[in-house]
Amino acid sequence: MRERSAEEARRVAAAAAAAAAAAETAAREKAAEAERRAQAAEAEVTRMTEATSAAEARAVASVGDVRQLREEYDSARDAHHQAEAALRGELEEARSAAAAAEAQRA
């Protein structure tokens, strides 16, 4: 009977050891999968951070472009106003000259 109990205890111990080994293997596999997922998530965060930085750089460059275009527009508008004023002056001079010529003919 003792032999039987000892044999049964060995079988139970062997089954428990096999179950523990299987559980340990499963835990290692889950840990490895979790590590792979964490690395993939970290790589995605890095990619998104780089994409965000690139987008921010493009936005800053666009702001610079807009500022430059605004300055060019303001400069062109000022030049247009100056040219318009000069043309008005020339038109007035031409009208005055035409009026003077008309007066001399009369």
PDB file of N, CA and C in Angstrom:
ATOM      1  N   MET A   1       0.808  -1.178   0.000  1.00  0.00           N
ATOM      2  CA  MET A   1       0.000   0.000   0.000  1.00  0.00           C
ATOM      3  C   MET A   1       0.858   1.251   0.000  1.00  0.00           C
ATOM      4  N   ARG A   2       1.924   1.212   0.795  1.00  0.00           N
ATOM      5  CA  ARG A   2       2.821   2.356   0.800  1.00  0.00           C
ATOM      6  C   ARG A   2       3.438   2.564  -0.554  1.00  0.00           C
ATOM      7  N   GLU A   3       3.799   1.466  -1.175  1.00  0.00           N
ATOM      8  CA  GLU A   3       4.388   1.569  -2.514  1.00  0.00           C
ATOM      9  C   GLU A   3       3.400   2.193  -3.485  1.00  0.00           C
ATOM     10  N   ARG A   4       2.178   1.798  -3.342  1.00  0.00           N
ATOM     11  CA  ARG A   4       1.149   2.326  -4.215  1.00  0.00           C
ATOM     12  C   ARG A   4       0.949   3.825  -3.981  1.00  0.00           C
ATOM     13  N   SER A   5       0.929   4.211  -2.740  1.00  0.00           N
ATOM     14  CA  SER A   5       0.774   5.623  -2.399  1.00  0.00           C
ATOM     15  C   SER A   5       1.968   6.422  -2.890  1.00  0.00           C
ATOM     16  N   ALA A   6       3.153   5.851  -2.738  1.00  0.00           N
ATOM     17  CA  ALA A   6       4.367   6.537  -3.206  1.00  0.00           C
ATOM     18  C   ALA A   6       4.340   6.664  -4.724  1.00  0.00           C
ATOM     19  N   GLU A   7       3.908   5.618  -5.412  1.00  0.00           N
ATOM     20  CA  GLU A   7       3.820   5.660  -6.879  1.00  0.00           C
ATOM     21  C   GLU A   7       2.792   6.698  -7.315  1.00  0.00           C
ATOM     22  N   GLU A   8       1.665   6.706  -6.623  1.00  0.00           N
ATOM     23  CA  GLU A   8       0.625   7.689  -6.940  1.00  0.00           C
ATOM     24  C   GLU A   8       1.148   9.105  -6.691  1.00  0.00           C
ATOM     25  N   ALA A   9       1.874   9.298  -5.604  1.00  0.00           N
ATOM     26  CA  ALA A   9       2.446  10.618  -5.288  1.00  0.00           C
ATOM     27  C   ALA A   9       3.442  11.020  -6.364  1.00  0.00           C
ATOM     28  N   ARG A  10       4.239  10.081  -6.857  1.00  0.00           N
ATOM     29  CA  ARG A  10       5.196  10.392  -7.936  1.00  0.00           C
ATOM     30  C   ARG A  10       4.468  10.792  -9.210  1.00  0.00           C
ATOM     31  N   ARG A  11       3.394  10.074  -9.522  1.00  0.00           N
ATOM     32  CA  ARG A  11       2.623  10.415 -10.719  1.00  0.00           C
ATOM     33  C   ARG A  11       1.985  11.802 -10.593  1.00  0.00           C
ATOM     34  N   VAL A  12       1.452  12.079  -9.426  1.00  0.00           N
ATOM     35  CA  VAL A  12       0.847  13.399  -9.200  1.00  0.00           C
ATOM     36  C   VAL A  12       1.921  14.477  -9.289  1.00  0.00           C
ATOM     37  N   ALA A  13       3.087  14.212  -8.692  1.00  0.00           N
ATOM     38  CA  ALA A  13       4.188  15.176  -8.738  1.00  0.00           C
ATOM     39  C   ALA A  13       4.668  15.372 -10.173  1.00  0.00           C
ATOM     40  N   ALA A  14       4.759  14.289 -10.937  1.00  0.00           N
ATOM     41  CA  ALA A  14       5.187  14.386 -12.337  1.00  0.00           C
ATOM     42  C   ALA A  14       4.156  15.170 -13.146  1.00  0.00           C
ATOM     43  N   ALA A  15       2.877  14.916 -12.899  1.00  0.00           N
ATOM     44  CA  ALA A  15       1.828  15.651 -13.614  1.00  0.00           C
ATOM     45  C   ALA A  15       1.868  17.127 -13.237  1.00  0.00           C
ATOM     46  N   ALA A  16       2.099  17.405 -11.954  1.00  0.00           N
ATOM     47  CA  ALA A  16       2.186  18.796 -11.503  1.00  0.00           C
ATOM     48  C   ALA A  16       3.400  19.481 -12.124  1.00  0.00           C
ATOM     49  N   ALA A  17       4.516  18.766 -12.194  1.00  0.00           N
ATOM     50  CA  ALA A  17       5.723  19.335 -12.810  1.00  0.00           C
ATOM     51  C   ALA A  17       5.486  19.596 -14.290  1.00  0.00           C
ATOM     52  N   ALA A  18       4.814  18.674 -14.975  1.00  0.00           N
ATOM     53  CA  ALA A  18       4.516  18.867 -16.403  1.00  0.00           C
ATOM     54  C   ALA A  18       3.574  20.050 -16.584  1.00  0.00           C
ATOM     55  N   ALA A  19       2.572  20.160 -15.716  1.00  0.00           N
ATOM     56  CA  ALA A  19       1.640  21.289 -15.803  1.00  0.00           C
ATOM     57  C   ALA A  19       2.367  22.599 -15.524  1.00  0.00           C
ATOM     58  N   ALA A  20       3.260  22.598 -14.553  1.00  0.00           N
ATOM     59  CA  ALA A  20       4.027  23.807 -14.233  1.00  0.00           C
ATOM     60  C   ALA A  20       4.926  24.189 -15.403  1.00  0.00           C
ATOM     61  N   ALA A  21       5.558  23.197 -16.035  1.00  0.00           N
ATOM     62  CA  ALA A  21       6.418  23.472 -17.195  1.00  0.00           C
ATOM     63  C   ALA A  21       5.588  24.026 -18.345  1.00  0.00           C
ATOM     64  N   ALA A  22       4.409  23.459 -18.568  1.00  0.00           N
ATOM     65  CA  ALA A  22       3.539  23.949 -19.642  1.00  0.00           C
ATOM     66  C   ALA A  22       3.077  25.372 -19.339  1.00  0.00           C
ATOM     67  N   ALA A  23       2.732  25.625 -18.078  1.00  0.00           N
ATOM     68  CA  ALA A  23       2.306  26.974 -17.698  1.00  0.00           C
ATOM     69  C   ALA A  23       3.455  27.965 -17.860  1.00  0.00           C
ATOM     70  N   GLU A  24       4.656  27.544 -17.493  1.00  0.00           N
ATOM     71  CA  GLU A  24       5.829  28.417 -17.639  1.00  0.00           C
ATOM     72  C   GLU A  24       6.105  28.706 -19.113  1.00  0.00           C
ATOM     73  N   THR A  25       5.987  27.696 -19.959  1.00  0.00           N
ATOM     74  CA  THR A  25       6.187  27.886 -21.398  1.00  0.00           C
ATOM     75  C   THR A  25       5.133  28.837 -21.960  1.00  0.00           C
ATOM     76  N   ALA A  26       3.886  28.648 -21.561  1.00  0.00           N
ATOM     77  CA  ALA A  26       2.813  29.531 -22.032  1.00  0.00           C
ATOM     78  C   ALA A  26       3.053  30.962 -21.557  1.00  0.00           C
ATOM     79  N   ALA A  27       3.493  31.115 -20.311  1.00  0.00           N
ATOM     80  CA  ALA A  27       3.767  32.454 -19.779  1.00  0.00           C
ATOM     81  C   ALA A  27       4.911  33.111 -20.542  1.00  0.00           C
ATOM     82  N   ARG A  28       5.944  32.345 -20.867  1.00  0.00           N
ATOM     83  CA  ARG A  28       7.070  32.898 -21.644  1.00  0.00           C
ATOM     84  C   ARG A  28       6.612  33.330 -23.032  1.00  0.00           C
ATOM     85  N   GLU A  29       5.774  32.496 -23.667  1.00  0.00           N
ATOM     86  CA  GLU A  29       5.260  32.838 -24.995  1.00  0.00           C
ATOM     87  C   GLU A  29       4.406  34.100 -24.943  1.00  0.00           C
ATOM     88  N   LYS A  30       3.566  34.217 -23.907  1.00  0.00           N
ATOM     89  CA  LYS A  30       2.747  35.421 -23.757  1.00  0.00           C
ATOM     90  C   LYS A  30       3.623  36.643 -23.507  1.00  0.00           C
ATOM     91  N   ALA A  31       4.656  36.474 -22.700  1.00  0.00           N
ATOM     92  CA  ALA A  31       5.567  37.588 -22.420  1.00  0.00           C
ATOM     93  C   ALA A  31       6.306  38.006 -23.686  1.00  0.00           C
ATOM     94  N   ALA A  32       6.725  37.021 -24.488  1.00  0.00           N
ATOM     95  CA  ALA A  32       7.421  37.335 -25.741  1.00  0.00           C
ATOM     96  C   ALA A  32       6.481  38.062 -26.700  1.00  0.00           C
ATOM     97  N   GLU A  33       5.225  37.615 -26.772  1.00  0.00           N
ATOM     98  CA  GLU A  33       4.245  38.281 -27.636  1.00  0.00           C
ATOM     99  C   GLU A  33       3.979  39.703 -27.143  1.00  0.00           C
ATOM    100  N   ALA A  34       3.870  39.868 -25.836  1.00  0.00           N
ATOM    101  CA  ALA A  34       3.662  41.210 -25.277  1.00  0.00           C
ATOM    102  C   ALA A  34       4.855  42.109 -25.591  1.00  0.00           C
ATOM    103  N   GLU A  35       6.049  41.573 -25.524  1.00  0.00           N
ATOM    104  CA  GLU A  35       7.255  42.351 -25.853  1.00  0.00           C
ATOM    105  C   GLU A  35       7.251  42.752 -27.325  1.00  0.00           C
ATOM    106  N   ARG A  36       6.867  41.819 -28.212  1.00  0.00           N
ATOM    107  CA  ARG A  36       6.788  42.143 -29.644  1.00  0.00           C
ATOM    108  C   ARG A  36       5.759  43.247 -29.888  1.00  0.00           C
ATOM    109  N   ARG A  37       4.623  43.146 -29.226  1.00  0.00           N
ATOM    110  CA  ARG A  37       3.589  44.182 -29.384  1.00  0.00           C
ATOM    111  C   ARG A  37       4.073  45.527 -28.854  1.00  0.00           C
ATOM    112  N   ALA A  38       4.752  45.500 -27.724  1.00  0.00           N
ATOM    113  CA  ALA A  38       5.277  46.748 -27.153  1.00  0.00           C
ATOM    114  C   ALA A  38       6.295  47.382 -28.093  1.00  0.00           C
ATOM    115  N   GLN A  39       7.160  46.570 -28.683  1.00  0.00           N
ATOM    116  CA  GLN A  39       8.149  47.097 -29.632  1.00  0.00           C
ATOM    117  C   GLN A  39       7.464  47.654 -30.874  1.00  0.00           C
ATOM    118  N   ALA A  40       6.435  46.954 -31.354  1.00  0.00           N
ATOM    119  CA  ALA A  40       5.702  47.448 -32.527  1.00  0.00           C
ATOM    120  C   ALA A  40       5.004  48.765 -32.197  1.00  0.00           C
ATOM    121  N   ALA A  41       4.422  48.849 -31.006  1.00  0.00           N
ATOM    122  CA  ALA A  41       3.758  50.093 -30.597  1.00  0.00           C
ATOM    123  C   ALA A  41       4.773  51.224 -30.467  1.00  0.00           C
ATOM    124  N   GLU A  42       5.924  50.917 -29.910  1.00  0.00           N
ATOM    125  CA  GLU A  42       6.975  51.933 -29.775  1.00  0.00           C
ATOM    126  C   GLU A  42       7.448  52.408 -31.147  1.00  0.00           C
ATOM    127  N   ALA A  43       7.590  51.478 -32.083  1.00  0.00           N
ATOM    128  CA  ALA A  43       7.991  51.857 -33.443  1.00  0.00           C
ATOM    129  C   ALA A  43       6.926  52.735 -34.090  1.00  0.00           C
ATOM    130  N   GLU A  44       5.658  52.422 -33.856  1.00  0.00           N
ATOM    131  CA  GLU A  44       4.565  53.224 -34.417  1.00  0.00           C
ATOM    132  C   GLU A  44       4.555  54.620 -33.801  1.00  0.00           C
ATOM    133  N   VAL A  45       4.782  54.699 -32.495  1.00  0.00           N
ATOM    134  CA  VAL A  45       4.850  56.009 -31.837  1.00  0.00           C
ATOM    135  C   VAL A  45       6.006  56.822 -32.410  1.00  0.00           C
ATOM    136  N   THR A  46       7.135  56.182 -32.620  1.00  0.00           N
ATOM    137  CA  THR A  46       8.291  56.872 -33.202  1.00  0.00           C
ATOM    138  C   THR A  46       7.957  57.370 -34.601  1.00  0.00           C
ATOM    139  N   ARG A  47       7.319  56.519 -35.410  1.00  0.00           N
ATOM    140  CA  ARG A  47       6.942  56.916 -36.763  1.00  0.00           C
ATOM    141  C   ARG A  47       5.967  58.094 -36.731  1.00  0.00           C
ATOM    142  N   MET A  48       4.985  58.020 -35.841  1.00  0.00           N
ATOM    143  CA  MET A  48       4.007  59.102 -35.746  1.00  0.00           C
ATOM    144  C   MET A  48       4.657  60.395 -35.248  1.00  0.00           C
ATOM    145  N   THR A  49       5.597  60.277 -34.326  1.00  0.00           N
ATOM    146  CA  THR A  49       6.306  61.460 -33.828  1.00  0.00           C
ATOM    147  C   THR A  49       7.098  62.105 -34.953  1.00  0.00           C
ATOM    148  N   GLU A  50       7.771  61.285 -35.748  1.00  0.00           N
ATOM    149  CA  GLU A  50       8.536  61.817 -36.878  1.00  0.00           C
ATOM    150  C   GLU A  50       7.607  62.470 -37.900  1.00  0.00           C
ATOM    151  N   ALA A  51       6.468  61.840 -38.165  1.00  0.00           N
ATOM    152  CA  ALA A  51       5.512  62.410 -39.119  1.00  0.00           C
ATOM    153  C   ALA A  51       4.962  63.734 -38.595  1.00  0.00           C
ATOM    154  N   THR A  52       4.692  63.792 -37.297  1.00  0.00           N
ATOM    155  CA  THR A  52       4.199  65.032 -36.693  1.00  0.00           C
ATOM    156  C   THR A  52       5.246  66.128 -36.784  1.00  0.00           C
ATOM    157  N   SER A  53       6.490  65.772 -36.509  1.00  0.00           N
ATOM    158  CA  SER A  53       7.571  66.760 -36.601  1.00  0.00           C
ATOM    159  C   SER A  53       7.712  67.277 -38.029  1.00  0.00           C
ATOM    160  N   ALA A  54       7.610  66.377 -38.986  1.00  0.00           N
ATOM    161  CA  ALA A  54       7.704  66.793 -40.393  1.00  0.00           C
ATOM    162  C   ALA A  54       6.535  67.703 -40.757  1.00  0.00           C
ATOM    163  N   ALA A  55       5.340  67.372 -40.279  1.00  0.00           N
ATOM    164  CA  ALA A  55       4.168  68.211 -40.561  1.00  0.00           C
ATOM    165  C   ALA A  55       4.322  69.585 -39.919  1.00  0.00           C
ATOM    166  N   GLU A  56       4.855  69.614 -38.702  1.00  0.00           N
ATOM    167  CA  GLU A  56       5.090  70.898 -38.034  1.00  0.00           C
ATOM    168  C   GLU A  56       6.103  71.727 -38.813  1.00  0.00           C
ATOM    169  N   ALA A  57       7.147  71.078 -39.306  1.00  0.00           N
ATOM    170  CA  ALA A  57       8.155  71.802 -40.090  1.00  0.00           C
ATOM    171  C   ALA A  57       7.537  72.368 -41.364  1.00  0.00           C
ATOM    172  N   ARG A  58       6.668  71.565 -42.016  1.00  0.00           N
ATOM    173  CA  ARG A  58       5.992  72.067 -43.218  1.00  0.00           C
ATOM    174  C   ARG A  58       5.079  73.241 -42.875  1.00  0.00           C
ATOM    175  N   ALA A  59       4.408  73.158 -41.729  1.00  0.00           N
ATOM    176  CA  ALA A  59       3.518  74.250 -41.316  1.00  0.00           C
ATOM    177  C   ALA A  59       4.314  75.523 -41.057  1.00  0.00           C
ATOM    178  N   VAL A  60       5.456  75.388 -40.400  1.00  0.00           N
ATOM    179  CA  VAL A  60       6.305  76.558 -40.143  1.00  0.00           C
ATOM    180  C   VAL A  60       6.787  77.144 -41.461  1.00  0.00           C
ATOM    181  N   ALA A  61       7.190  76.276 -42.384  1.00  0.00           N
ATOM    182  CA  ALA A  61       7.633  76.758 -43.698  1.00  0.00           C
ATOM    183  C   ALA A  61       6.482  77.442 -44.426  1.00  0.00           C
ATOM    184  N   SER A  62       5.281  76.887 -44.304  1.00  0.00           N
ATOM    185  CA  SER A  62       4.120  77.498 -44.954  1.00  0.00           C
ATOM    186  C   SER A  62       3.826  78.869 -44.367  1.00  0.00           C
ATOM    187  N   VAL A  63       3.960  78.990 -43.055  1.00  0.00           N
ATOM    188  CA  VAL A  63       3.757  80.295 -42.420  1.00  0.00           C
ATOM    189  C   VAL A  63       4.774  81.287 -42.964  1.00  0.00           C
ATOM    190  N   GLY A  64       6.019  80.825 -43.113  1.00  0.00           N
ATOM    191  CA  GLY A  64       7.050  81.687 -43.695  1.00  0.00           C
ATOM    192  C   GLY A  64       6.704  82.079 -45.118  1.00  0.00           C
ATOM    193  N   ASP A  65       6.195  81.107 -45.890  1.00  0.00           N
ATOM    194  CA  ASP A  65       5.792  81.394 -47.273  1.00  0.00           C
ATOM    195  C   ASP A  65       4.653  82.405 -47.305  1.00  0.00           C
ATOM    196  N   VAL A  66       3.679  82.214 -46.426  1.00  0.00           N
ATOM    197  CA  VAL A  66       2.541  83.138 -46.379  1.00  0.00           C
ATOM    198  C   VAL A  66       3.024  84.536 -46.003  1.00  0.00           C
ATOM    199  N   ARG A  67       3.910  84.605 -45.026  1.00  0.00           N
ATOM    200  CA  ARG A  67       4.445  85.901 -44.605  1.00  0.00           C
ATOM    201  C   ARG A  67       5.170  86.576 -45.771  1.00  0.00           C
ATOM    202  N   GLN A  68       5.988  85.788 -46.488  1.00  0.00           N
ATOM    203  CA  GLN A  68       6.722  86.343 -47.628  1.00  0.00           C
ATOM    204  C   GLN A  68       5.753  86.797 -48.718  1.00  0.00           C
ATOM    205  N   LEU A  69       4.740  85.981 -49.000  1.00  0.00           N
ATOM    206  CA  LEU A  69       3.751  86.363 -50.014  1.00  0.00           C
ATOM    207  C   LEU A  69       3.003  87.625 -49.595  1.00  0.00           C
ATOM    208  N   ARG A  70       2.703  87.752 -48.314  1.00  0.00           N
ATOM    209  CA  ARG A  70       2.014  88.948 -47.831  1.00  0.00           C
ATOM    210  C   ARG A  70       2.902  90.179 -48.021  1.00  0.00           C
ATOM    211  N   GLU A  71       4.192  90.032 -47.717  1.00  0.00           N
ATOM    212  CA  GLU A  71       5.118  91.152 -47.906  1.00  0.00           C
ATOM    213  C   GLU A  71       5.223  91.527 -49.383  1.00  0.00           C
ATOM    214  N   GLU A  72       5.283  90.509 -50.250  1.00  0.00           N
ATOM    215  CA  GLU A  72       5.341  90.778 -51.687  1.00  0.00           C
ATOM    216  C   GLU A  72       4.056  91.460 -52.158  1.00  0.00           C
ATOM    217  N   TYR A  73       2.921  91.002 -51.641  1.00  0.00           N
ATOM    218  CA  TYR A  73       1.639  91.623 -51.996  1.00  0.00           C
ATOM    219  C   TYR A  73       1.604  93.081 -51.540  1.00  0.00           C
ATOM    220  N   ASP A  74       2.006  93.315 -50.301  1.00  0.00           N
ATOM    221  CA  ASP A  74       2.010  94.690 -49.782  1.00  0.00           C
ATOM    222  C   ASP A  74       2.916  95.582 -50.618  1.00  0.00           C
ATOM    223  N   SER A  75       4.074  95.062 -50.989  1.00  0.00           N
ATOM    224  CA  SER A  75       5.015  95.829 -51.803  1.00  0.00           C
ATOM    225  C   SER A  75       4.418  96.125 -53.179  1.00  0.00           C
ATOM    226  N   ALA A  76       3.802  95.111 -53.784  1.00  0.00           N
ATOM    227  CA  ALA A  76       3.183  95.300 -55.103  1.00  0.00           C
ATOM    228  C   ALA A  76       2.019  96.282 -55.016  1.00  0.00           C
ATOM    229  N   ARG A  77       1.236  96.193 -53.940  1.00  0.00           N
ATOM    230  CA  ARG A  77       0.118  97.118 -53.751  1.00  0.00           C
ATOM    231  C   ARG A  77       0.627  98.557 -53.611  1.00  0.00           C
ATOM    232  N   ASP A  78       1.704  98.727 -52.831  1.00  0.00           N
ATOM    233  CA  ASP A  78       2.277 100.070 -52.674  1.00  0.00           C
ATOM    234  C   ASP A  78       2.792 100.599 -54.007  1.00  0.00           C
ATOM    235  N   ALA A  79       3.468  99.737 -54.771  1.00  0.00           N
ATOM    236  CA  ALA A  79       3.980 100.148 -56.082  1.00  0.00           C
ATOM    237  C   ALA A  79       2.818 100.511 -57.007  1.00  0.00           C
ATOM    238  N   HIS A  80       1.736  99.756 -56.941  1.00  0.00           N
ATOM    239  CA  HIS A  80       0.553 100.040 -57.757  1.00  0.00           C
ATOM    240  C   HIS A  80      -0.030 101.409 -57.391  1.00  0.00           C
ATOM    241  N   HIS A  81      -0.155 101.665 -56.094  1.00  0.00           N
ATOM    242  CA  HIS A  81      -0.700 102.963 -55.660  1.00  0.00           C
ATOM    243  C   HIS A  81       0.199 104.116 -56.109  1.00  0.00           C
ATOM    244  N   GLN A  82       1.504 103.912 -56.024  1.00  0.00           N
ATOM    245  CA  GLN A  82       2.435 104.960 -56.462  1.00  0.00           C
ATOM    246  C   GLN A  82       2.319 105.184 -57.966  1.00  0.00           C
ATOM    247  N   ALA A  83       2.226 104.085 -58.723  1.00  0.00           N
ATOM    248  CA  ALA A  83       2.093 104.213 -60.177  1.00  0.00           C
ATOM    249  C   ALA A  83       0.767 104.878 -60.530  1.00  0.00           C
ATOM    250  N   GLU A  84      -0.278 104.527 -59.816  1.00  0.00           N
ATOM    251  CA  GLU A  84      -1.588 105.124 -60.050  1.00  0.00           C
ATOM    252  C   GLU A  84      -1.549 106.630 -59.769  1.00  0.00           C
ATOM    253  N   ALA A  85      -0.899 107.018 -58.687  1.00  0.00           N
ATOM    254  CA  ALA A  85      -0.782 108.446 -58.358  1.00  0.00           C
ATOM    255  C   ALA A  85       0.034 109.172 -59.420  1.00  0.00           C
ATOM    256  N   ALA A  86       1.104 108.529 -59.884  1.00  0.00           N
ATOM    257  CA  ALA A  86       1.936 109.147 -60.922  1.00  0.00           C
ATOM    258  C   ALA A  86       1.134 109.317 -62.210  1.00  0.00           C
ATOM    259  N   LEU A  87       0.343 108.298 -62.570  1.00  0.00           N
ATOM    260  CA  LEU A  87      -0.485 108.393 -63.778  1.00  0.00           C
ATOM    261  C   LEU A  87      -1.550 109.479 -63.645  1.00  0.00           C
ATOM    262  N   ARG A  88      -2.124 109.608 -62.468  1.00  0.00           N
ATOM    263  CA  ARG A  88      -3.100 110.685 -62.254  1.00  0.00           C
ATOM    264  C   ARG A  88      -2.433 112.049 -62.437  1.00  0.00           C
ATOM    265  N   GLY A  89      -1.213 112.164 -61.904  1.00  0.00           N
ATOM    266  CA  GLY A  89      -0.473 113.420 -62.066  1.00  0.00           C
ATOM    267  C   GLY A  89      -0.194 113.711 -63.529  1.00  0.00           C
ATOM    268  N   GLU A  90       0.230 112.674 -64.260  1.00  0.00           N
ATOM    269  CA  GLU A  90       0.504 112.855 -65.687  1.00  0.00           C
ATOM    270  C   GLU A  90      -0.778 113.197 -66.437  1.00  0.00           C
ATOM    271  N   LEU A  91      -1.887 112.572 -66.055  1.00  0.00           N
ATOM    272  CA  LEU A  91      -3.170 112.855 -66.693  1.00  0.00           C
ATOM    273  C   LEU A  91      -3.576 114.311 -66.443  1.00  0.00           C
ATOM    274  N   GLU A  92      -3.399 114.781 -65.241  1.00  0.00           N
ATOM    275  CA  GLU A  92      -3.716 116.178 -64.927  1.00  0.00           C
ATOM    276  C   GLU A  92      -2.833 117.131 -65.734  1.00  0.00           C
ATOM    277  N   GLU A  93      -1.543 116.777 -65.842  1.00  0.00           N
ATOM    278  CA  GLU A  93      -0.628 117.612 -66.635  1.00  0.00           C
ATOM    279  C   GLU A  93      -1.059 117.623 -68.096  1.00  0.00           C
ATOM    280  N   ALA A  94      -1.439 116.454 -68.609  1.00  0.00           N
ATOM    281  CA  ALA A  94      -1.871 116.367 -70.005  1.00  0.00           C
ATOM    282  C   ALA A  94      -3.153 117.166 -70.216  1.00  0.00           C
ATOM    283  N   ARG A  95      -4.078 117.081 -69.283  1.00  0.00           N
ATOM    284  CA  ARG A  95      -5.320 117.853 -69.396  1.00  0.00           C
ATOM    285  C   ARG A  95      -5.032 119.358 -69.345  1.00  0.00           C
ATOM    286  N   SER A  96      -4.125 119.725 -68.443  1.00  0.00           N
ATOM    287  CA  SER A  96      -3.763 121.151 -68.339  1.00  0.00           C
ATOM    288  C   SER A  96      -3.109 121.624 -69.627  1.00  0.00           C
ATOM    289  N   ALA A  97      -2.217 120.788 -70.171  1.00  0.00           N
ATOM    290  CA  ALA A  97      -1.546 121.153 -71.420  1.00  0.00           C
ATOM    291  C   ALA A  97      -2.561 121.242 -72.547  1.00  0.00           C
ATOM    292  N   ALA A  98      -3.521 120.319 -72.583  1.00  0.00           N
ATOM    293  CA  ALA A  98      -4.553 120.339 -73.621  1.00  0.00           C
ATOM    294  C   ALA A  98      -5.426 121.578 -73.460  1.00  0.00           C
ATOM    295  N   ALA A  99      -5.752 121.918 -72.237  1.00  0.00           N
ATOM    296  CA  ALA A  99      -6.568 123.112 -72.000  1.00  0.00           C
ATOM    297  C   ALA A  99      -5.805 124.364 -72.400  1.00  0.00           C
ATOM    298  N   ALA A 100      -4.507 124.403 -72.109  1.00  0.00           N
ATOM    299  CA  ALA A 100      -3.688 125.562 -72.477  1.00  0.00           C
ATOM    300  C   ALA A 100      -3.582 125.664 -73.987  1.00  0.00           C
ATOM    301  N   ALA A 101      -3.405 124.525 -74.648  1.00  0.00           N
ATOM    302  CA  ALA A 101      -3.313 124.531 -76.108  1.00  0.00           C
ATOM    303  C   ALA A 101      -4.638 124.976 -76.708  1.00  0.00           C
ATOM    304  N   GLU A 102      -5.725 124.540 -76.148  1.00  0.00           N
ATOM    305  CA  GLU A 102      -7.051 124.929 -76.627  1.00  0.00           C
ATOM    306  C   GLU A 102      -7.259 126.428 -76.433  1.00  0.00           C
ATOM    307  N   ALA A 103      -6.786 126.926 -75.309  1.00  0.00           N
ATOM    308  CA  ALA A 103      -6.932 128.360 -75.029  1.00  0.00           C
ATOM    309  C   ALA A 103      -6.093 129.184 -75.994  1.00  0.00           C
ATOM    310  N   GLN A 104      -4.917 128.699 -76.366  1.00  0.00           N
ATOM    311  CA  GLN A 104      -4.057 129.442 -77.299  1.00  0.00           C
ATOM    312  C   GLN A 104      -4.670 129.440 -78.695  1.00  0.00           C
ATOM    313  N   ARG A 105      -5.322 128.383 -79.048  1.00  0.00           N
ATOM    314  CA  ARG A 105      -5.938 128.325 -80.367  1.00  0.00           C
ATOM    315  C   ARG A 105      -7.135 129.271 -80.447  1.00  0.00           C
ATOM    316  N   ALA A 106      -7.757 129.518 -79.385  1.00  0.00           N
ATOM    317  CA  ALA A 106      -8.964 130.343 -79.415  1.00  0.00           C
ATOM    318  C   ALA A 106      -8.664 131.791 -79.399  1.00  0.00           C
TER     319      ALA A 106
END
